[in-house]
C-alpha atoms as a PDB file:
ATOM      1  CA  MET A   1      85.781 125.737 118.041  1.00  0.00           C
ATOM      2  CA  ILE A   2      89.072 125.909 116.588  1.00  0.00           C
ATOM      3  CA  PRO A   3      92.424 124.492 118.140  1.00  0.00           C
ATOM      4  CA  GLN A   4      94.397 128.010 119.967  1.00  0.00           C
ATOM      5  CA  ASP A   5      97.339 126.721 118.502  1.00  0.00           C
ATOM      6  CA  LYS A   6      96.203 127.018 114.865  1.00  0.00           C
ATOM      7  CA  ASN A   7      95.022 130.376 114.655  1.00  0.00           C
ATOM      8  CA  THR A   8      97.948 132.033 113.434  1.00  0.00           C
ATOM      9  CA  ALA A   9      97.980 129.292 110.390  1.00  0.00           C
ATOM     10  CA  ILE A  10      94.290 129.559 110.018  1.00  0.00           C
ATOM     11  CA  THR A  11      94.432 133.513 109.428  1.00  0.00           C
ATOM     12  CA  ARG A  12      96.993 133.056 107.501  1.00  0.00           C
ATOM     13  CA  GLY A  13      95.075 130.144 104.928  1.00  0.00           C
ATOM     14  CA  LEU A  14      92.358 132.567 104.876  1.00  0.00           C
ATOM     15  CA  SER A  15      94.886 136.154 103.725  1.00  0.00           C
ATOM     16  CA  GLU A  16      96.613 133.864 101.273  1.00  0.00           C
ATOM     17  CA  ALA A  17      93.280 131.746  99.346  1.00  0.00           C
ATOM     18  CA  PHE A  18      90.649 134.924  99.649  1.00  0.00           C
ATOM     19  CA  GLY A  19      92.559 138.021 100.963  1.00  0.00           C
ATOM     20  CA  VAL A  20      90.582 137.711 104.409  1.00  0.00           C
ATOM     21  CA  SER A  21      91.352 137.731 107.882  1.00  0.00           C
ATOM     22  CA  GLU A  22      88.705 136.238 109.116  1.00  0.00           C
ATOM     23  CA  CYS A  23      85.579 134.199 108.260  1.00  0.00           C
ATOM     24  CA  GLU A  24      81.849 135.370 107.893  1.00  0.00           C
ATOM     25  CA  ASP A  25      81.072 132.331 109.329  1.00  0.00           C
ATOM     26  CA  ILE A  26      81.830 129.100 111.104  1.00  0.00           C
ATOM     27  CA  ARG A  27      80.523 125.741 111.764  1.00  0.00           C
ATOM     28  CA  GLU A  28      82.184 122.163 112.748  1.00  0.00           C
ATOM     29  CA  VAL A  29      81.474 119.521 110.662  1.00  0.00           C
ATOM     30  CA  THR A  30      83.911 116.718 111.876  1.00  0.00           C
ATOM     31  CA  GLY A  31      82.638 113.350 111.974  1.00  0.00           C
ATOM     32  CA  GLY A  32      83.712 110.551 114.286  1.00  0.00           C
ATOM     33  CA  PRO A  33      85.757 110.229 117.572  1.00  0.00           C
ATOM     34  CA  GLY A  34      89.709 110.335 116.008  1.00  0.00           C
ATOM     35  CA  ALA A  35      88.479 111.847 113.062  1.00  0.00           C
ATOM     36  CA  ASN A  36      90.448 115.445 112.290  1.00  0.00           C
ATOM     37  CA  PRO A  37      89.070 118.734 112.617  1.00  0.00           C
ATOM     38  CA  VAL A  38      86.670 119.974 109.936  1.00  0.00           C
ATOM     39  CA  PHE A  39      84.921 123.236 109.807  1.00  0.00           C
ATOM     40  CA  ARG A  40      82.588 124.209 106.813  1.00  0.00           C
ATOM     41  CA  ILE A  41      83.066 128.359 106.766  1.00  0.00           C
ATOM     42  CA  VAL A  42      81.388 130.621 105.092  1.00  0.00           C
ATOM     43  CA  VAL A  43      84.245 133.908 103.006  1.00  0.00           C
ATOM     44  CA  ARG A  44      82.683 136.666 101.465  1.00  0.00           C
ATOM     45  CA  ARG A  45      78.776 134.360 101.024  1.00  0.00           C
ATOM     46  CA  SER A  46      80.602 131.094  99.436  1.00  0.00           C
ATOM     47  CA  ALA A  47      80.946 128.004 101.260  1.00  0.00           C
ATOM     48  CA  PHE A  48      84.375 126.169 101.637  1.00  0.00           C
ATOM     49  CA  LEU A  49      85.466 123.649 103.878  1.00  0.00           C
ATOM     50  CA  LEU A  50      88.138 123.733 106.580  1.00  0.00           C
ATOM     51  CA  ARG A  51      90.523 120.632 107.584  1.00  0.00           C
ATOM     52  CA  ILE A  52      93.173 120.772 109.782  1.00  0.00           C
ATOM     53  CA  ASN A  53      95.121 117.363 109.889  1.00  0.00           C
ATOM     54  CA  LEU A  54      96.201 116.320 113.327  1.00  0.00           C
ATOM     55  CA  ARG A  55      96.364 112.706 112.162  1.00  0.00           C
ATOM     56  CA  ALA A  56     100.063 111.560 111.351  1.00  0.00           C
ATOM     57  CA  GLY A  57     100.579 110.818 107.480  1.00  0.00           C
ATOM     58  CA  ASP A  58     102.105 111.969 104.285  1.00  0.00           C
ATOM     59  CA  LEU A  59     100.601 115.532 103.807  1.00  0.00           C
ATOM     60  CA  VAL A  60     103.044 116.294 100.663  1.00  0.00           C
ATOM     61  CA  ARG A  61     101.244 112.691  98.857  1.00  0.00           C
ATOM     62  CA  HIS A  62      97.532 113.932 100.018  1.00  0.00           C
ATOM     63  CA  TYR A  63      97.697 117.321  99.331  1.00  0.00           C
ATOM     64  CA  ALA A  64      99.266 116.123  95.954  1.00  0.00           C
ATOM     65  CA  CYS A  65      96.662 113.692  95.009  1.00  0.00           C
ATOM     66  CA  MET A  66      93.980 116.019  95.833  1.00  0.00           C
ATOM     67  CA  LYS A  67      94.789 118.723  93.795  1.00  0.00           C
ATOM     68  CA  ALA A  68      95.277 116.702  90.605  1.00  0.00           C
ATOM     69  CA  ALA A  69      92.035 114.814  91.554  1.00  0.00           C
ATOM     70  CA  ALA A  70      90.271 118.235  91.824  1.00  0.00           C
ATOM     71  CA  GLU A  71      92.016 119.783  88.955  1.00  0.00           C
ATOM     72  CA  ALA A  72      90.526 116.590  86.537  1.00  0.00           C
ATOM     73  CA  GLY A  73      87.104 117.508  88.377  1.00  0.00           C
ATOM     74  CA  VAL A  74      86.995 114.427  90.575  1.00  0.00           C
ATOM     75  CA  ALA A  75      87.599 116.077  93.842  1.00  0.00           C
ATOM     76  CA  PRO A  76      86.536 119.686  95.364  1.00  0.00           C
ATOM     77  CA  ARG A  77      88.280 122.740  94.214  1.00  0.00           C
ATOM     78  CA  VAL A  78      91.251 123.319  96.446  1.00  0.00           C
ATOM     79  CA  TRP A  79      91.639 126.590  97.260  1.00  0.00           C
ATOM     80  CA  TYR A  80      94.720 126.712  99.567  1.00  0.00           C
ATOM     81  CA  THR A  81      97.200 123.561 101.463  1.00  0.00           C
ATOM     82  CA  ASN A  82     100.346 124.204 103.617  1.00  0.00           C
ATOM     83  CA  VAL A  83     101.833 121.358 104.983  1.00  0.00           C
ATOM     84  CA  GLU A  84     103.675 123.139 107.480  1.00  0.00           C
ATOM     85  CA  ASP A  85     100.689 123.934 108.853  1.00  0.00           C
ATOM     86  CA  ARG A  86      98.370 121.313 108.229  1.00  0.00           C
ATOM     87  CA  ILE A  87      95.315 122.849 106.787  1.00  0.00           C
ATOM     88  CA  SER A  88      93.722 122.563 103.461  1.00  0.00           C
ATOM     89  CA  ILE A  89      90.457 124.549 102.107  1.00  0.00           C
ATOM     90  CA  THR A  90      88.880 123.467  99.532  1.00  0.00           C
ATOM     91  CA  ASP A  91      85.220 123.991  98.028  1.00  0.00           C
ATOM     92  CA  PHE A  92      82.046 122.820 100.581  1.00  0.00           C
ATOM     93  CA  VAL A  93      79.915 120.325  98.884  1.00  0.00           C
ATOM     94  CA  ASN A  94      76.295 120.433  99.924  1.00  0.00           C
ATOM     95  CA  ALA A  95      74.926 116.442  99.378  1.00  0.00           C
ATOM     96  CA  ALA A  96      71.833 115.307  98.224  1.00  0.00           C
ATOM     97  CA  HIS A  97      70.267 111.972  98.130  1.00  0.00           C
ATOM     98  CA  PHE A  98      71.673 109.567  96.708  1.00  0.00           C
ATOM     99  CA  GLY A  99      70.479 105.927  96.475  1.00  0.00           C
ATOM    100  CA  PRO A 100      72.600 102.615  95.571  1.00  0.00           C
ATOM    101  CA  ALA A 101      71.177 102.484  92.216  1.00  0.00           C
ATOM    102  CA  ASP A 102      72.156 106.080  91.145  1.00  0.00           C
ATOM    103  CA  ALA A 103      75.663 105.732  93.074  1.00  0.00           C
ATOM    104  CA  LEU A 104      76.427 102.058  90.823  1.00  0.00           C
ATOM    105  CA  ALA A 105      75.565 104.053  87.334  1.00  0.00           C
ATOM    106  CA  ARG A 106      77.715 106.996  87.904  1.00  0.00           C
ATOM    107  CA  LEU A 107      80.692 105.829  89.990  1.00  0.00           C
ATOM    108  CA  PRO A 108      82.513 103.681  87.550  1.00  0.00           C
ATOM    109  CA  ALA A 109      82.878 107.168  85.454  1.00  0.00           C
ATOM    110  CA  ALA A 110      84.433 108.837  88.270  1.00  0.00           C
ATOM    111  CA  LEU A 111      86.548 105.531  89.268  1.00  0.00           C
ATOM    112  CA  ARG A 112      87.591 105.828  84.946  1.00  0.00           C
ATOM    113  CA  ALA A 113      88.213 109.065  85.817  1.00  0.00           C
ATOM    114  CA  LEU A 114      90.629 108.968  88.823  1.00  0.00           C
ATOM    115  CA  HIS A 115      92.598 105.550  87.591  1.00  0.00           C
ATOM    116  CA  SER A 116      93.487 107.696  84.114  1.00  0.00           C
ATOM    117  CA  LEU A 117      94.893 111.031  86.132  1.00  0.00           C
ATOM    118  CA  PRO A 118      98.760 110.790  85.945  1.00  0.00           C
ATOM    119  CA  GLN A 119     100.886 108.180  88.699  1.00  0.00           C
ATOM    120  CA  PHE A 120     100.120 109.630  92.285  1.00  0.00           C
ATOM    121  CA  PRO A 121     103.675 108.422  93.945  1.00  0.00           C
ATOM    122  CA  GLY A 122     103.124 104.938  95.426  1.00  0.00           C
ATOM    123  CA  VAL A 123     103.889 103.742  99.550  1.00  0.00           C
ATOM    124  CA  PRO A 124     105.801 100.590 100.521  1.00  0.00           C
ATOM    125  CA  ASP A 125     104.124  97.828 100.838  1.00  0.00           C
ATOM    126  CA  ASP A 126     104.132  97.639 104.661  1.00  0.00           C
ATOM    127  CA  ARG A 127     102.135 100.756 103.982  1.00  0.00           C
ATOM    128  CA  ASN A 128      99.652  99.521 101.585  1.00  0.00           C
ATOM    129  CA  SER A 129      96.289 100.102 104.242  1.00  0.00           C
ATOM    130  CA  THR A 130      93.961  98.479 101.803  1.00  0.00           C
ATOM    131  CA  CYS A 131      93.606  94.858 100.492  1.00  0.00           C
ATOM    132  CA  MET A 132      96.839  94.805  98.846  1.00  0.00           C
ATOM    133  CA  PHE A 133      98.424  94.789 101.906  1.00  0.00           C
ATOM    134  CA  LEU A 134      97.036  90.959 102.667  1.00  0.00           C
ATOM    135  CA  LEU A 135      97.939  90.382  98.708  1.00  0.00           C
ATOM    136  CA  HIS A 136     101.265  91.535  98.614  1.00  0.00           C
ATOM    137  CA  ARG A 137     102.233  88.696 101.104  1.00  0.00           C
ATOM    138  CA  GLY A 138     105.069  90.508 103.078  1.00  0.00           C
ATOM    139  CA  PRO A 139     106.730  90.457 106.314  1.00  0.00           C
ATOM    140  CA  ALA A 140     104.454  92.992 108.053  1.00  0.00           C
ATOM    141  CA  ALA A 141     101.473  91.010 106.245  1.00  0.00           C
ATOM    142  CA  ASP A 142     102.486  88.129 107.527  1.00  0.00           C
ATOM    143  CA  ALA A 143     103.487  89.423 111.347  1.00  0.00           C
ATOM    144  CA  PHE A 144      99.646  91.254 111.494  1.00  0.00           C
ATOM    145  CA  LEU A 145      98.202  87.856 110.738  1.00  0.00           C
ATOM    146  CA  GLN A 146     100.187  86.429 113.342  1.00  0.00           C
ATOM    147  CA  GLN A 147      99.582  88.806 115.981  1.00  0.00           C
ATOM    148  CA  PHE A 148      95.619  88.190 114.975  1.00  0.00           C
ATOM    149  CA  GLN A 149      95.981  84.815 115.563  1.00  0.00           C
ATOM    150  CA  ALA A 150      98.131  85.145 118.888  1.00  0.00           C
ATOM    151  CA  ALA A 151      94.983  87.193 120.084  1.00  0.00           C
ATOM    152  CA  ASN A 152      92.683  84.532 119.527  1.00  0.00           C
ATOM    153  CA  ILE A 153      89.963  86.397 117.733  1.00  0.00           C
ATOM    154  CA  LEU A 154      88.380  83.681 115.303  1.00  0.00           C
ATOM    155  CA  PRO A 155      88.078  80.283 116.245  1.00  0.00           C
ATOM    156  CA  LYS A 156      90.658  78.028 115.633  1.00  0.00           C
ATOM    157  CA  GLU A 157      89.088  76.078 112.585  1.00  0.00           C
ATOM    158  CA  ASP A 158      87.962  79.695 111.134  1.00  0.00           C
ATOM    159  CA  PHE A 159      91.500  80.994 111.471  1.00  0.00           C
ATOM    160  CA  GLU A 160      92.847  77.543 109.642  1.00  0.00           C
ATOM    161  CA  GLU A 161      89.827  78.407 106.696  1.00  0.00           C
ATOM    162  CA  LEU A 162      91.640  82.071 106.570  1.00  0.00           C
ATOM    163  CA  VAL A 163      95.324  81.519 106.098  1.00  0.00           C
ATOM    164  CA  ALA A 164      94.188  78.403 103.147  1.00  0.00           C
ATOM    165  CA  ARG A 165      92.047  80.322 101.292  1.00  0.00           C
ATOM    166  CA  TYR A 166      94.610  83.463 102.184  1.00  0.00           C
ATOM    167  CA  THR A 167      96.972  81.361 100.389  1.00  0.00           C
ATOM    168  CA  GLN A 168      95.178  80.608  97.702  1.00  0.00           C
ATOM    169  CA  ILE A 169      93.897  83.543  96.489  1.00  0.00           C
ATOM    170  CA  ALA A 170      97.797  85.544  97.320  1.00  0.00           C
ATOM    171  CA  ALA A 171      99.381  83.131  95.177  1.00  0.00           C
ATOM    172  CA  ALA A 172      96.686  83.646  92.288  1.00  0.00           C
ATOM    173  CA  TYR A 173      96.697  87.257  92.135  1.00  0.00           C
ATOM    174  CA  SER A 174     100.359  87.840  92.877  1.00  0.00           C
ATOM    175  CA  ARG A 175     101.823  86.405  90.084  1.00  0.00           C
ATOM    176  CA  HIS A 176     101.157  89.495  87.937  1.00  0.00           C
ATOM    177  CA  ASP A 177     102.319  92.681  88.420  1.00  0.00           C
ATOM    178  CA  PRO A 178      99.448  95.132  89.686  1.00  0.00           C
ATOM    179  CA  GLU A 179      97.633  97.420  87.071  1.00  0.00           C
ATOM    180  CA  LEU A 180      99.071 100.246  88.919  1.00  0.00           C
ATOM    181  CA  VAL A 181      96.695 103.994  88.700  1.00  0.00           C
ATOM    182  CA  SER A 182      96.027 106.638  90.846  1.00  0.00           C
ATOM    183  CA  SER A 183      93.581 105.138  93.715  1.00  0.00           C
ATOM    184  CA  HIS A 184      91.516 107.247  96.354  1.00  0.00           C
ATOM    185  CA  ASN A 185      91.663 103.462  98.690  1.00  0.00           C
ATOM    186  CA  ASP A 186      89.204 105.100 101.275  1.00  0.00           C
ATOM    187  CA  LEU A 187      86.180 104.415  99.660  1.00  0.00           C
ATOM    188  CA  PHE A 188      84.530 101.453 101.490  1.00  0.00           C
ATOM    189  CA  LYS A 189      83.111 104.659 103.829  1.00  0.00           C
ATOM    190  CA  PRO A 190      80.209 106.443 101.943  1.00  0.00           C
ATOM    191  CA  ASP A 191      81.258 109.288 103.384  1.00  0.00           C
ATOM    192  CA  ASN A 192      84.077 109.568 101.029  1.00  0.00           C
ATOM    193  CA  ILE A 193      81.861 110.042  98.045  1.00  0.00           C
ATOM    194  CA  VAL A 194      79.497 113.012  98.016  1.00  0.00           C
ATOM    195  CA  PHE A 195      76.959 114.406  95.612  1.00  0.00           C
ATOM    196  CA  ASP A 196      75.597 117.581  95.302  1.00  0.00           C
ATOM    197  CA  GLY A 197      72.826 116.321  92.928  1.00  0.00           C
ATOM    198  CA  GLN A 198      74.375 116.751  89.532  1.00  0.00           C
ATOM    199  CA  ARG A 199      77.669 115.124  89.926  1.00  0.00           C
ATOM    200  CA  VAL A 200      80.072 112.593  91.924  1.00  0.00           C
ATOM    201  CA  TRP A 201      82.941 113.991  94.043  1.00  0.00           C
ATOM    202  CA  LEU A 202      85.260 111.551  96.146  1.00  0.00           C
ATOM    203  CA  VAL A 203      86.821 113.946  98.900  1.00  0.00           C
ATOM    204  CA  ASP A 204      89.086 112.617 102.134  1.00  0.00           C
ATOM    205  CA  TRP A 205      92.356 112.224 100.382  1.00  0.00           C
ATOM    206  CA  GLU A 206      94.781 110.913 103.383  1.00  0.00           C
ATOM    207  CA  ALA A 207      95.208 107.456 102.113  1.00  0.00           C
ATOM    208  CA  ALA A 208      96.128 108.066  98.483  1.00  0.00           C
ATOM    209  CA  PHE A 209      98.353 106.776  96.416  1.00  0.00           C
ATOM    210  CA  ARG A 210      99.180 104.485  93.363  1.00  0.00           C
ATOM    211  CA  ASN A 211      97.997 101.104  93.624  1.00  0.00           C
ATOM    212  CA  ASP A 212      96.140  98.247  91.893  1.00  0.00           C
ATOM    213  CA  ARG A 213      92.840  99.146  89.816  1.00  0.00           C
ATOM    214  CA  TYR A 214      90.441  96.653  91.022  1.00  0.00           C
ATOM    215  CA  ALA A 215      91.148  97.263  95.168  1.00  0.00           C
ATOM    216  CA  ASP A 216      89.181 100.882  94.186  1.00  0.00           C
ATOM    217  CA  LEU A 217      86.679  98.905  92.576  1.00  0.00           C
ATOM    218  CA  ALA A 218      86.465  95.992  94.902  1.00  0.00           C
ATOM    219  CA  VAL A 219      85.613  98.307  98.035  1.00  0.00           C
ATOM    220  CA  VAL A 220      82.598 100.050  95.570  1.00  0.00           C
ATOM    221  CA  ALA A 221      81.419  97.145  94.620  1.00  0.00           C
ATOM    222  CA  ASN A 222      81.299  95.315  97.813  1.00  0.00           C
ATOM    223  CA  MET A 223      79.211  98.371  99.274  1.00  0.00           C
ATOM    224  CA  LEU A 224      76.841  98.152  96.031  1.00  0.00           C
ATOM    225  CA  VAL A 225      76.964  95.621  94.129  1.00  0.00           C
ATOM    226  CA  THR A 226      74.268  92.830  94.287  1.00  0.00           C
ATOM    227  CA  ASN A 227      73.744  90.814  91.592  1.00  0.00           C
ATOM    228  CA  VAL A 228      75.863  89.801  88.736  1.00  0.00           C
ATOM    229  CA  ALA A 229      74.010  91.692  86.347  1.00  0.00           C
ATOM    230  CA  GLU A 230      74.714  94.472  88.297  1.00  0.00           C
ATOM    231  CA  GLU A 231      78.751  93.639  88.188  1.00  0.00           C
ATOM    232  CA  THR A 232      78.303  93.316  84.729  1.00  0.00           C
ATOM    233  CA  ALA A 233      76.986  96.407  83.768  1.00  0.00           C
ATOM    234  CA  TYR A 234      79.402  97.882  86.680  1.00  0.00           C
ATOM    235  CA  LEU A 235      82.059  96.961  84.445  1.00  0.00           C
ATOM    236  CA  GLN A 236      81.155  97.978  81.022  1.00  0.00           C
ATOM    237  CA  VAL A 237      80.854 101.455  82.385  1.00  0.00           C
ATOM    238  CA  TYR A 238      83.861 101.681  84.120  1.00  0.00           C
ATOM    239  CA  PHE A 239      86.081 100.257  80.862  1.00  0.00           C
ATOM    240  CA  GLY A 240      84.087 101.973  78.581  1.00  0.00           C
ATOM    241  CA  GLN A 241      82.984  98.180  76.582  1.00  0.00           C
ATOM    242  CA  PRO A 242      81.330  94.605  78.081  1.00  0.00           C
ATOM    243  CA  PRO A 243      84.233  92.806  80.219  1.00  0.00           C
ATOM    244  CA  ASP A 244      85.882  90.021  79.401  1.00  0.00           C
ATOM    245  CA  ALA A 245      86.421  86.858  81.670  1.00  0.00           C
ATOM    246  CA  TYR A 246      89.415  88.101  83.181  1.00  0.00           C
ATOM    247  CA  GLN A 247      88.608  91.194  84.097  1.00  0.00           C
ATOM    248  CA  ARG A 248      85.626  90.134  86.260  1.00  0.00           C
ATOM    249  CA  ALA A 249      87.990  87.241  87.425  1.00  0.00           C
ATOM    250  CA  ARG A 250      90.104  89.638  89.056  1.00  0.00           C
ATOM    251  CA  LEU A 251      87.651  91.872  90.520  1.00  0.00           C
ATOM    252  CA  HIS A 252      85.745  89.046  91.460  1.00  0.00           C
ATOM    253  CA  LEU A 253      89.479  88.114  93.762  1.00  0.00           C
ATOM    254  CA  MET A 254      89.512  91.430  94.351  1.00  0.00           C
ATOM    255  CA  ARG A 255      86.209  91.601  96.247  1.00  0.00           C
ATOM    256  CA  LEU A 256      87.120  88.380  98.474  1.00  0.00           C
ATOM    257  CA  ALA A 257      90.435  90.281  98.924  1.00  0.00           C
ATOM    258  CA  ALA A 258      88.202  93.019 100.660  1.00  0.00           C
ATOM    259  CA  HIS A 259      86.205  91.529 102.429  1.00  0.00           C
ATOM    260  CA  LEU A 260      89.124  89.354 104.160  1.00  0.00           C
ATOM    261  CA  PHE A 261      90.927  92.844 104.874  1.00  0.00           C
ATOM    262  CA  TYR A 262      88.371  94.301 106.281  1.00  0.00           C
ATOM    263  CA  ALA A 263      87.163  91.563 107.997  1.00  0.00           C
ATOM    264  CA  VAL A 264      90.306  91.153 109.824  1.00  0.00           C
ATOM    265  CA  VAL A 265      90.903  94.435 110.553  1.00  0.00           C
ATOM    266  CA  PHE A 266      87.264  95.622 112.340  1.00  0.00           C
ATOM    267  CA  LEU A 267      86.989  92.506 114.129  1.00  0.00           C
ATOM    268  CA  TRP A 268      90.895  93.237 115.116  1.00  0.00           C
ATOM    269  CA  GLN A 269      89.287  96.406 116.620  1.00  0.00           C
ATOM    270  CA  GLY A 270      86.453  95.250 117.906  1.00  0.00           C
ATOM    271  CA  ALA A 271      88.344  92.769 119.941  1.00  0.00           C
ATOM    272  CA  SER A 272      90.383  95.220 121.533  1.00  0.00           C
ATOM    273  CA  SER A 273      87.532  96.478 123.195  1.00  0.00           C
ATOM    274  CA  LYS A 274      85.531  93.196 123.931  1.00  0.00           C
ATOM    275  CA  PRO A 275      85.332  90.103 123.141  1.00  0.00           C
ATOM    276  CA  ILE A 276      83.530  88.654 119.983  1.00  0.00           C
ATOM    277  CA  ASP A 277      80.793  86.769 121.350  1.00  0.00           C
ATOM    278  CA  TRP A 278      79.888  84.274 117.856  1.00  0.00           C
ATOM    279  CA  SER A 279      76.203  82.935 118.500  1.00  0.00           C
ATOM    280  CA  ASP A 280      75.288  86.867 118.391  1.00  0.00           C
ATOM    281  CA  PRO A 281      73.340  86.709 115.117  1.00  0.00           C
ATOM    282  CA  VAL A 282      75.206  88.123 112.176  1.00  0.00           C
ATOM    283  CA  PRO A 283      73.434  90.713 109.990  1.00  0.00           C
ATOM    284  CA  ASP A 284      72.462  90.349 106.596  1.00  0.00           C
ATOM    285  CA  TYR A 285      75.319  91.538 104.344  1.00  0.00           C
ATOM    286  CA  ALA A 286      73.093  93.375 101.630  1.00  0.00           C
ATOM    287  CA  ASP A 287      71.008  95.148 104.434  1.00  0.00           C
ATOM    288  CA  PHE A 288      74.078  96.134 106.587  1.00  0.00           C
ATOM    289  CA  GLN A 289      75.709  97.771 103.348  1.00  0.00           C
ATOM    290  CA  ARG A 290      72.521  99.618 102.374  1.00  0.00           C
ATOM    291  CA  ARG A 291      72.081 101.431 105.567  1.00  0.00           C
ATOM    292  CA  PHE A 292      75.630 101.342 106.146  1.00  0.00           C
ATOM    293  CA  TRP A 293      74.955 103.675 102.497  1.00  0.00           C
ATOM    294  CA  ALA A 294      72.843 105.682 103.330  1.00  0.00           C
ATOM    295  CA  GLY A 295      74.257 106.704 106.997  1.00  0.00           C
ATOM    296  CA  GLU A 296      71.785 104.960 109.134  1.00  0.00           C
ATOM    297  CA  ILE A 297      75.306 103.205 110.542  1.00  0.00           C
ATOM    298  CA  LYS A 298      78.993 104.451 111.762  1.00  0.00           C
ATOM    299  CA  LEU A 299      81.783 102.478 112.837  1.00  0.00           C
ATOM    300  CA  THR A 300      82.674 104.410 115.537  1.00  0.00           C
ATOM    301  CA  ASP A 301      82.394 102.355 118.107  1.00  0.00           C
ATOM    302  CA  ALA A 302      83.594  98.758 119.157  1.00  0.00           C
ATOM    303  CA  HIS A 303      80.022  96.671 118.817  1.00  0.00           C
ATOM    304  CA  THR A 304      79.743  98.295 115.029  1.00  0.00           C
ATOM    305  CA  LYS A 305      82.687  97.346 114.159  1.00  0.00           C
ATOM    306  CA  THR A 306      82.880  94.610 115.324  1.00  0.00           C
ATOM    307  CA  VAL A 307      79.418  93.660 113.331  1.00  0.00           C
ATOM    308  CA  TYR A 308      81.551  95.503 110.450  1.00  0.00           C
ATOM    309  CA  GLY A 309      84.075  92.620 110.762  1.00  0.00           C
ATOM    310  CA  ARG A 310      81.855  89.866 110.806  1.00  0.00           C
ATOM    311  CA  ILE A 311      79.637  90.490 107.876  1.00  0.00           C
ATOM    312  CA  HIS A 312      82.183  91.144 106.085  1.00  0.00           C
ATOM    313  CA  TRP A 313      83.371  87.206 107.512  1.00  0.00           C
ATOM    314  CA  THR A 314      80.571  85.574 106.692  1.00  0.00           C
ATOM    315  CA  GLN A 315      80.016  86.712 103.161  1.00  0.00           C
ATOM    316  CA  PHE A 316      84.064  85.841 102.550  1.00  0.00           C
ATOM    317  CA  LEU A 317      83.039  82.655 103.333  1.00  0.00           C
ATOM    318  CA  HIS A 318      79.319  81.823 101.551  1.00  0.00           C
ATOM    319  CA  ASP A 319      81.587  83.494  98.780  1.00  0.00           C
ATOM    320  CA  VAL A 320      84.430  81.099  98.392  1.00  0.00           C
ATOM    321  CA  GLN A 321      82.344  78.252  98.866  1.00  0.00           C
ATOM    322  CA  GLN A 322      80.891  79.350  95.386  1.00  0.00           C
ATOM    323  CA  ALA A 323      81.952  77.658  91.939  1.00  0.00           C
ATOM    324  CA  ARG A 324      83.279  80.958  90.851  1.00  0.00           C
ATOM    325  CA  TYR A 325      85.759  81.058  93.500  1.00  0.00           C
ATOM    326  CA  LYS A 326      87.506  78.206  91.774  1.00  0.00           C
ATOM    327  CA  GLU A 327      86.387  79.667  88.519  1.00  0.00           C
ATOM    328  CA  ALA A 328      87.714  82.920  89.389  1.00  0.00           C
ATOM    329  CA  LEU A 329      91.496  81.510  90.712  1.00  0.00           C
ATOM    330  CA  ALA A 330      91.872  79.728  87.371  1.00  0.00           C
ATOM    331  CA  ILE A 331      90.814  82.393  85.318  1.00  0.00           C
ATOM    332  CA  VAL A 332      93.574  84.470  86.876  1.00  0.00           C
ATOM    333  CA  ALA A 333      96.459  82.312  87.296  1.00  0.00           C
ATOM    334  CA  ASP A 334      96.311  81.037  83.936  1.00  0.00           C
ATOM    335  CA  ARG A 335      96.602  84.696  82.717  1.00  0.00           C
ATOM    336  CA  HIS A 336      99.225  85.342  84.631  1.00  0.00           C
ATOM    337  CA  ALA A 337     101.002  81.799  84.149  1.00  0.00           C
ATOM    338  CA  ALA A 338     100.799  82.637  80.530  1.00  0.00           C
ATOM    339  CA  GLY A 339     102.144  86.003  80.814  1.00  0.00           C
END
């Protein structure tokens, strides 16, 4: 079950964390293909999560961010980490039912607590794995979009629309230094949000780094917020007061940037396996996200990734045709020009 070359490292971790040489029980709980090996272990009749980090990544940053979040009560308690062995042991959270309405009421406070932490380390713009990657408009983003265009994934007129809207959003948003805060950066996946029946825990901190606060806010909103009233309540809990026009506009543009980012990324991944049939019907966005939140849908195969990319692309095209799009562009651009 455990990779043989990790036995010594795990024994070392158990000894340092708990003073034992082996666990009483172990059960693999690894996610989909390509996921790091994860195990539920039992030591002295208590359950913990053992994670072996095999994927490339900055474990120094990863573990430091995870520990800071745990100390603030945002992430499960960290019992052990070892950068060289690439192993961590944390509390195991028994997940309880967590409906969208309950999540929408609880998550803004969790994000506020996370974003209030001393700032996490940053990453170079070309390694930003969120929608801010596109908004930075650097050589890496330009190269990626060129590759995307060369792959002929989108029809020509759609790609032209993508570039035009992307240029508008990036020009309006990027004139202002982003409000950088300690961020999780991987909350578009409901698996990374766990409810134990009393409180919310954020897990899987590989992508954590200092980022624009609206990146986390936008991906959670895109998954759970379904109307303007919910968006207002969401921001009011987060900011502790009714949101002003600029905060609402900033979130709206980031939500659009997130739609665009996940559309491009997942269409790219899906099309790498099989050409996209654009005549296939697209599921309703809200219904897909409801099923995604409920765990009925997993982004583990090319077809589902393609569908996920298409629902974001369809929602993006719908939203940029609404009056609110132009209003948000003007509000954010005007604030930055005045500042």
